Protein backbone atom coordinates (compact mmCIF):
# COMPACT_ATOMS: atom_id res chain seq x y z
CA MET A 1 70.45 78.54 14.26
CA LYS A 2 66.72 78.54 15.04
CA GLU A 3 65.90 77.32 11.52
CA VAL A 4 68.35 74.42 11.84
CA HIS A 5 66.80 73.47 15.19
CA GLU A 6 63.25 73.45 13.69
CA GLU A 7 64.47 71.43 10.71
CA VAL A 8 66.07 68.83 12.97
CA GLU A 9 62.87 68.58 15.04
CA ALA A 10 60.80 68.03 11.88
CA VAL A 11 63.16 65.27 10.69
CA LEU A 12 63.07 63.60 14.13
CA ARG A 13 59.24 63.72 14.19
CA LYS A 14 59.11 62.18 10.72
CA SER A 15 61.52 59.38 11.66
CA GLN A 16 59.56 58.70 14.87
CA GLU A 17 56.32 58.38 12.87
CA GLU A 18 57.97 55.92 10.46
CA ILE A 19 59.37 53.84 13.31
CA ARG A 20 55.98 53.86 15.08
CA LYS A 21 54.24 52.80 11.86
CA TYR A 22 56.53 49.79 11.33
CA ALA A 23 56.55 48.82 15.02
CA ASN A 24 52.73 48.84 15.25
CA ARG A 25 52.27 46.98 11.98
CA LYS A 26 51.86 43.52 13.58
CA ARG A 27 50.54 44.58 16.96
CA SER A 28 46.94 43.85 17.76
CA LYS A 29 44.68 45.41 20.35
CA PRO A 30 44.88 43.68 23.73
CA GLU A 31 41.88 41.67 24.91
CA GLU A 32 39.60 43.47 27.31
CA TYR A 33 38.94 41.44 30.45
CA ARG A 34 35.81 42.10 32.47
CA VAL A 35 34.59 40.93 35.85
CA GLY A 36 32.71 37.66 35.46
CA ASN A 37 34.50 36.54 32.26
CA TRP A 38 35.98 33.04 32.22
CA VAL A 39 39.68 32.54 31.42
CA LEU A 40 42.01 29.56 31.02
CA LEU A 41 45.02 29.59 33.35
CA SER A 42 48.46 28.75 31.97
CA THR A 43 50.34 25.82 33.51
CA LYS A 44 53.63 27.73 33.27
CA ASP A 45 53.44 28.73 36.96
CA LEU A 46 52.01 25.38 38.07
CA LYS A 47 55.01 23.19 37.22
CA PHE A 48 55.68 22.27 40.85
CA GLN A 49 52.06 21.12 41.23
CA MET A 50 52.30 18.90 38.14
CA LYS A 51 55.31 16.84 39.19
CA GLY A 52 53.31 13.60 39.06
CA ARG A 53 52.80 13.95 35.32
CA CYS A 54 54.68 11.67 32.91
CA SER A 55 56.39 14.41 30.94
CA GLU A 56 56.50 18.17 31.10
CA LYS A 57 56.22 18.25 27.31
CA LEU A 58 52.97 16.34 27.33
CA THR A 59 51.15 18.34 30.01
CA GLU A 60 48.34 20.64 28.97
CA GLN A 61 49.26 24.26 28.27
CA PHE A 62 46.17 25.55 30.05
CA VAL A 63 44.10 24.16 32.89
CA GLU A 64 40.45 24.69 33.77
CA SER A 65 38.54 27.91 33.25
CA TYR A 66 38.30 30.32 36.17
CA LYS A 67 36.17 33.37 36.75
CA ILE A 68 37.64 36.88 36.88
CA LYS A 69 36.97 38.37 40.30
CA ARG A 70 38.46 41.82 39.72
CA VAL A 71 40.30 43.70 36.97
CA ILE A 72 43.16 45.58 38.59
CA SER A 73 44.73 47.09 35.46
CA THR A 74 45.04 46.30 31.76
CA ASN A 75 47.91 43.93 32.64
CA THR A 76 46.71 42.26 35.84
CA ILE A 77 43.53 40.51 36.93
CA GLU A 78 42.41 38.72 40.08
CA LEU A 79 40.94 35.24 39.66
CA GLU A 80 38.62 33.12 41.79
CA LEU A 81 40.94 30.14 42.29
CA PRO A 82 40.26 27.05 44.42
CA SER A 83 42.41 26.48 47.49
CA THR A 84 44.14 23.52 45.79
CA ILE A 85 45.99 25.83 43.38
CA LYS A 86 48.72 27.41 45.42
CA ILE A 87 49.56 30.54 43.45
CA HIS A 88 48.74 34.19 44.03
CA LEU A 89 45.21 35.19 43.03
CA VAL A 90 46.48 38.18 41.03
CA VAL A 91 48.00 37.10 37.72
CA ASN A 92 49.37 38.82 34.65
CA VAL A 93 47.22 38.66 31.52
CA SER A 94 50.06 36.89 29.71
CA ARG A 95 49.27 33.84 31.89
CA VAL A 96 45.60 33.61 30.87
CA HIS A 97 43.54 33.26 27.70
CA MET A 98 39.86 34.01 27.22
CA TYR A 99 37.72 30.90 27.47
CA LYS A 100 35.60 30.20 24.39
CA ASP A 101 32.70 27.77 24.56
CA GLN A 102 32.87 24.73 22.33
CA VAL A 103 30.89 24.63 19.12
CA GLU A 104 27.45 23.04 19.43
CA GLY A 105 27.68 19.29 18.97
CA GLN A 106 31.37 19.27 19.88
CA LYS A 107 30.89 19.29 23.63
CA LYS A 108 31.88 16.13 25.44
CA GLU A 109 29.19 14.55 27.55
CA TRP A 110 30.65 12.49 30.35
CA PRO A 111 28.75 9.35 31.31
CA LEU A 112 26.81 9.40 34.56
CA LEU A 113 28.41 7.90 37.65
CA VAL A 114 26.93 4.85 39.28
CA ILE A 115 27.51 4.34 43.01
CA ILE A 116 28.26 0.70 43.87
CA GLU A 117 29.13 -0.23 47.46
CA GLY A 118 29.94 3.38 48.31
CA LYS A 119 32.37 3.83 45.36
CA GLU A 120 31.67 5.95 42.30
CA GLU A 121 31.98 3.94 39.09
CA TYR A 122 30.97 4.31 35.45
CA LYS A 123 28.37 2.10 33.81
CA VAL A 124 30.00 0.23 30.88
CA GLU A 125 27.86 -0.78 27.94
CA LYS A 126 30.44 -2.74 26.00
CA ILE A 127 34.23 -3.28 25.92
CA LEU A 128 35.40 -2.32 22.44
CA ASN A 129 39.16 -2.93 22.71
CA LYS A 130 41.89 -3.95 25.15
CA ARG A 131 45.63 -3.18 25.10
CA LYS A 132 48.60 -3.31 27.46
CA PHE A 133 50.21 0.03 28.26
CA ARG A 134 53.22 0.16 30.60
CA GLY A 135 52.34 -3.22 32.02
CA LYS A 136 48.69 -2.39 32.77
CA ASN A 137 45.58 -3.30 30.84
CA ARG A 138 43.65 -0.42 29.27
CA TYR A 139 40.14 -0.78 27.93
CA LEU A 140 38.23 1.16 25.29
CA VAL A 141 34.63 1.16 26.46
CA ARG A 142 31.29 2.49 25.36
């Protein structure tokens, strides 16, 4: 009886190893988040704050980058969020992605603002194109 029991245990161990091998085949190591890293926040939890958008399909998947304030566990982190985003500061890592800087030369440089009569406006060099979109004129400027 003891021999049968040992044989069954050996077969179970072997089958567990095979199952583990096939289950871990496509798994990758989770990202390690550290205090001070920048992450992009998913818009999945921000749907109620994005009601003014044209279409849910066309909204961005991730919003601005935010700094990690504290790492609570491998699954949860605390972010430094502004008061305008009304969600809990502690989020699951499935709701964030590591922020990667853009490649050199790819970064967008926004034009400087010009203040005219107390209002912030952009200085336009030249109007390149004009089109009507939903009844309003849109301009392509340089």
